[in-house]
Structures are given as structure tokens and as C-alpha cells.
N, C-alpha and C. Protein backbone atom coordinates (compact mmCIF):
# COMPACT_ATOMS: atom_id res chain seq x y z
N MET A 1 6.64 -34.81 40.07
CA MET A 1 6.42 -34.56 37.96
C MET A 1 7.97 -35.24 38.13
N ASN A 2 8.59 -35.88 37.25
CA ASN A 2 10.00 -36.63 36.91
C ASN A 2 10.38 -35.89 36.07
N ALA A 3 11.73 -35.52 36.12
CA ALA A 3 12.26 -34.35 35.16
C ALA A 3 13.53 -35.25 34.93
N TYR A 4 13.74 -34.90 33.02
CA TYR A 4 15.40 -35.62 32.88
C TYR A 4 15.65 -34.66 31.61
N LYS A 5 17.14 -34.35 31.67
CA LYS A 5 17.54 -33.56 31.26
C LYS A 5 18.72 -34.02 30.35
N THR A 6 18.84 -33.69 29.37
CA THR A 6 20.06 -34.22 28.24
C THR A 6 20.13 -33.19 27.45
N TYR A 7 21.18 -33.11 26.56
CA TYR A 7 21.41 -31.85 25.47
C TYR A 7 21.58 -33.09 24.17
N VAL A 8 21.42 -31.89 23.14
CA VAL A 8 21.02 -32.59 21.97
C VAL A 8 21.54 -31.39 20.78
N GLN A 9 22.09 -31.98 19.17
CA GLN A 9 22.12 -30.66 18.45
C GLN A 9 21.41 -30.87 17.64
N ILE A 10 20.40 -30.31 16.56
CA ILE A 10 19.90 -30.28 15.68
C ILE A 10 19.93 -30.50 14.55
N ASP A 11 19.70 -31.40 13.94
CA ASP A 11 21.12 -32.29 12.73
C ASP A 11 20.72 -31.80 11.61
N ALA A 12 21.00 -31.56 10.51
CA ALA A 12 21.16 -31.15 9.16
C ALA A 12 20.02 -30.45 8.43
N THR A 13 19.02 -31.24 9.09
CA THR A 13 17.81 -31.45 8.00
C THR A 13 16.58 -30.15 9.29
N GLY A 14 17.10 -30.15 10.47
CA GLY A 14 16.77 -29.08 11.13
C GLY A 14 15.85 -29.95 12.01
N ARG A 15 16.03 -31.10 12.56
CA ARG A 15 15.36 -32.04 13.66
C ARG A 15 15.76 -31.94 14.31
N LEU A 16 15.11 -32.41 15.61
CA LEU A 16 16.38 -32.61 16.75
C LEU A 16 15.46 -34.20 17.11
N VAL A 17 16.41 -34.98 17.12
CA VAL A 17 15.94 -36.69 17.72
C VAL A 17 16.31 -37.31 19.24
N LEU A 18 15.19 -37.15 19.83
CA LEU A 18 15.40 -37.58 21.17
C LEU A 18 15.57 -39.04 21.63
N GLU A 19 16.42 -39.90 22.03
CA GLU A 19 16.34 -41.60 22.05
C GLU A 19 16.87 -41.95 23.25
N GLY A 20 16.14 -43.12 23.65
CA GLY A 20 16.53 -43.49 24.96
C GLY A 20 16.07 -42.86 26.01
N LEU A 21 15.39 -42.34 26.42
CA LEU A 21 14.44 -41.61 27.29
C LEU A 21 13.77 -42.77 28.21
N PRO A 22 14.09 -42.23 29.70
CA PRO A 22 13.46 -42.99 30.81
C PRO A 22 12.43 -43.00 30.79
N PHE A 23 11.28 -42.84 29.92
CA PHE A 23 10.00 -42.79 30.12
C PHE A 23 8.84 -44.23 29.68
N ARG A 24 8.38 -44.36 30.55
CA ARG A 24 7.10 -45.36 29.58
C ARG A 24 6.54 -45.28 28.08
N GLN A 25 6.55 -46.17 26.98
CA GLN A 25 5.86 -46.04 25.84
C GLN A 25 4.26 -45.11 26.36
N GLY A 26 4.12 -44.50 25.34
CA GLY A 26 3.01 -43.67 25.46
C GLY A 26 2.83 -42.60 26.47
N ALA A 27 3.88 -41.90 27.40
CA ALA A 27 3.82 -41.12 28.63
C ALA A 27 3.78 -39.76 27.61
N LEU A 28 2.88 -38.74 28.27
CA LEU A 28 2.90 -37.27 27.88
C LEU A 28 3.66 -36.40 27.97
N LEU A 29 4.85 -35.89 27.24
CA LEU A 29 6.14 -35.38 28.12
C LEU A 29 5.92 -33.94 27.89
N GLU A 30 6.05 -32.85 28.51
CA GLU A 30 6.37 -31.88 28.47
C GLU A 30 8.10 -31.58 27.92
N VAL A 31 7.55 -31.03 26.54
CA VAL A 31 9.06 -30.37 26.27
C VAL A 31 9.78 -28.81 26.46
N LEU A 32 10.66 -28.23 26.78
CA LEU A 32 10.98 -26.99 26.68
C LEU A 32 12.71 -27.15 26.15
N ILE A 33 12.54 -26.34 25.54
CA ILE A 33 13.77 -25.97 24.96
C ILE A 33 14.44 -24.96 24.41
N ILE A 34 15.73 -25.01 25.00
CA ILE A 34 16.33 -23.68 25.84
C ILE A 34 17.84 -23.87 24.75
N ASP A 35 18.19 -22.62 24.38
CA ASP A 35 19.35 -22.77 23.27
C ASP A 35 20.26 -22.12 23.98
N GLN A 36 21.49 -23.39 24.19
CA GLN A 36 22.63 -22.93 24.68
C GLN A 36 23.76 -22.39 24.25
N SER A 37 23.43 -22.20 22.76
CA SER A 37 24.48 -21.20 22.46
C SER A 37 24.84 -19.64 22.33
N ARG A 38 23.40 -18.86 23.54
CA ARG A 38 24.23 -17.80 23.62
C ARG A 38 25.11 -18.01 24.88
N PRO A 39 25.81 -17.02 25.10
CA PRO A 39 26.83 -17.38 26.16
C PRO A 39 26.03 -16.90 27.55
N PRO A 40 26.61 -17.24 28.68
CA PRO A 40 26.06 -17.23 29.58
C PRO A 40 25.58 -15.81 30.36
N GLN A 41 26.54 -15.05 30.28
CA GLN A 41 26.38 -13.88 30.81
C GLN A 41 25.18 -13.02 30.03
N GLU A 42 25.11 -13.67 28.70
CA GLU A 42 24.25 -12.91 28.04
C GLU A 42 22.58 -13.26 28.75
N ARG A 43 22.74 -14.16 29.26
CA ARG A 43 21.50 -15.04 29.24
C ARG A 43 21.09 -14.88 31.11
N ALA A 44 21.93 -14.60 32.01
CA ALA A 44 22.08 -13.75 33.32
C ALA A 44 21.62 -12.50 33.50
N GLU A 45 22.13 -11.68 31.98
CA GLU A 45 21.45 -10.10 32.14
C GLU A 45 19.60 -9.77 31.19
N GLU A 46 19.96 -10.95 30.81
CA GLU A 46 18.21 -11.11 30.30
C GLU A 46 17.54 -11.63 31.94
N TRP A 47 17.93 -11.93 32.23
CA TRP A 47 17.26 -12.89 33.96
C TRP A 47 17.24 -11.44 34.60
N SER A 48 18.26 -11.17 34.70
CA SER A 48 18.02 -10.09 35.45
C SER A 48 17.16 -8.75 34.85
N ALA A 49 17.41 -8.40 33.70
CA ALA A 49 16.20 -7.46 33.69
C ALA A 49 14.66 -8.04 33.36
N LEU A 50 14.54 -9.15 33.20
CA LEU A 50 13.34 -9.49 33.60
C LEU A 50 12.86 -9.49 35.22
N MET A 51 13.97 -9.65 35.95
CA MET A 51 13.38 -9.83 37.40
C MET A 51 13.08 -8.29 38.08
N ARG A 52 13.81 -7.47 37.15
CA ARG A 52 13.85 -5.99 37.73
C ARG A 52 12.11 -5.58 37.13
N HIS A 53 12.50 -5.80 35.78
CA HIS A 53 10.42 -5.62 35.91
C HIS A 53 9.47 -6.16 36.42
N VAL A 54 9.83 -7.30 37.15
CA VAL A 54 8.96 -7.99 37.49
C VAL A 54 8.53 -7.28 39.01
N GLN A 55 9.60 -6.87 39.66
CA GLN A 55 9.62 -6.42 41.44
C GLN A 55 9.25 -4.62 40.74
N SER A 56 9.32 -4.33 39.76
CA SER A 56 8.72 -2.74 39.86
C SER A 56 7.21 -3.44 39.15
N LEU A 57 6.16 -3.97 39.16
CA LEU A 57 5.04 -4.25 39.00
C LEU A 57 4.21 -3.94 40.11
N PRO A 58 3.27 -3.04 39.70
CA PRO A 58 2.46 -2.71 41.17
C PRO A 58 2.15 -3.34 42.06
N GLN A 59 1.75 -4.84 41.91
CA GLN A 59 2.00 -5.85 42.32
C GLN A 59 2.64 -6.15 43.47
N ALA A 60 3.94 -6.16 42.85
CA ALA A 60 5.30 -6.94 43.61
C ALA A 60 5.41 -5.86 45.03
N GLN A 61 4.80 -4.91 45.01
CA GLN A 61 5.51 -3.58 45.93
C GLN A 61 4.53 -3.82 47.34
N THR A 62 3.60 -4.54 46.93
CA THR A 62 2.44 -5.10 48.22
C THR A 62 2.76 -6.09 49.02
N ILE A 63 3.99 -6.83 48.29
CA ILE A 63 4.31 -8.37 48.74
C ILE A 63 4.77 -8.06 49.98
N THR A 64 4.40 -8.66 51.25
CA THR A 64 5.52 -8.65 52.41
C THR A 64 6.05 -10.13 52.50
N ASP A 65 7.05 -10.01 53.39
CA ASP A 65 8.09 -11.43 53.68
C ASP A 65 7.19 -12.34 54.32
N GLU A 66 6.35 -12.07 55.26
CA GLU A 66 4.97 -12.78 55.25
C GLU A 66 4.30 -13.44 54.84
N ASP A 67 3.84 -12.85 53.33
CA ASP A 67 3.50 -13.32 52.19
C ASP A 67 3.79 -14.51 51.88
N ILE A 68 5.01 -14.05 51.48
CA ILE A 68 6.45 -14.82 50.93
C ILE A 68 6.30 -16.41 51.48
N ALA A 69 6.27 -16.56 52.89
CA ALA A 69 6.23 -16.97 53.43
C ALA A 69 5.22 -17.85 53.75
N ALA A 70 4.03 -17.35 54.01
CA ALA A 70 2.61 -18.62 53.87
C ALA A 70 2.45 -19.31 53.06
N GLU A 71 3.16 -17.86 51.54
CA GLU A 71 2.98 -19.37 49.80
C GLU A 71 3.81 -20.33 50.32
N ILE A 72 4.94 -19.88 50.71
CA ILE A 72 6.06 -21.40 50.48
C ILE A 72 5.40 -22.63 51.83
N ASP A 73 5.03 -22.41 52.98
CA ASP A 73 4.14 -22.87 53.43
C ASP A 73 3.22 -24.00 53.09
N ALA A 74 1.91 -23.21 52.25
CA ALA A 74 1.38 -23.84 51.68
C ALA A 74 1.87 -24.57 50.73
N CYS A 75 2.79 -23.87 49.89
CA CYS A 75 2.94 -25.07 48.91
C CYS A 75 3.86 -26.48 49.61
N ARG A 76 4.39 -26.57 50.38
CA ARG A 76 4.78 -27.17 50.69
C ARG A 76 3.83 -28.24 51.27
N SER A 77 3.15 -27.93 52.24
CA SER A 77 2.09 -28.33 52.47
C SER A 77 0.71 -29.07 51.42
N GLY A 78 1.18 -29.11 50.49
CA GLY A 78 0.35 -29.43 49.33
C GLY A 78 -1.13 -28.48 49.20
N GLN A 79 -1.21 -27.49 49.57
CA GLN A 79 -2.48 -27.28 49.38
C GLN A 79 -2.07 -25.66 48.29
């Protein structure tokens, strides 16, 4: 996957224009839009709350370090 990161501002009409992208014409791109106007501390607190929630799920209680290591190895080997 090729990734390209840039910052743009929405214009007065509410449009967002991306120009000069380093991809071929007709390429199918996935677009993720993140509001950077929120304070970093607020984003960090929301991320921490999400991680606490995920870690409290019943499925997360049975995952071992060995399970994590095996999944990382499988991803790295292309499985």
C-alpha cells in the first residue's frame, strides 16, 4: 500500500480540493479525513478511553502474549 499524507483546509463553499497527488490517473484511492482542529490532549483522551473499552471486552481477557506473537509472525510472513 502506498500512502501519502498532506494537510488541506476546507474552502468557503465547504469543498476540499486535493491537487498534485503522487498517484496515476484513474487510481482508486481510499480517503480518510481526520479533523486536526481538536486539541491533541482531547484526541489522546478519546484514544485512551477506546483502548480501555477494547481491553475490557471478554475476548481480550483470554489473549496471551503467545497469541499476539503468533499473529504478528503470521502477518509478517504474509499469512
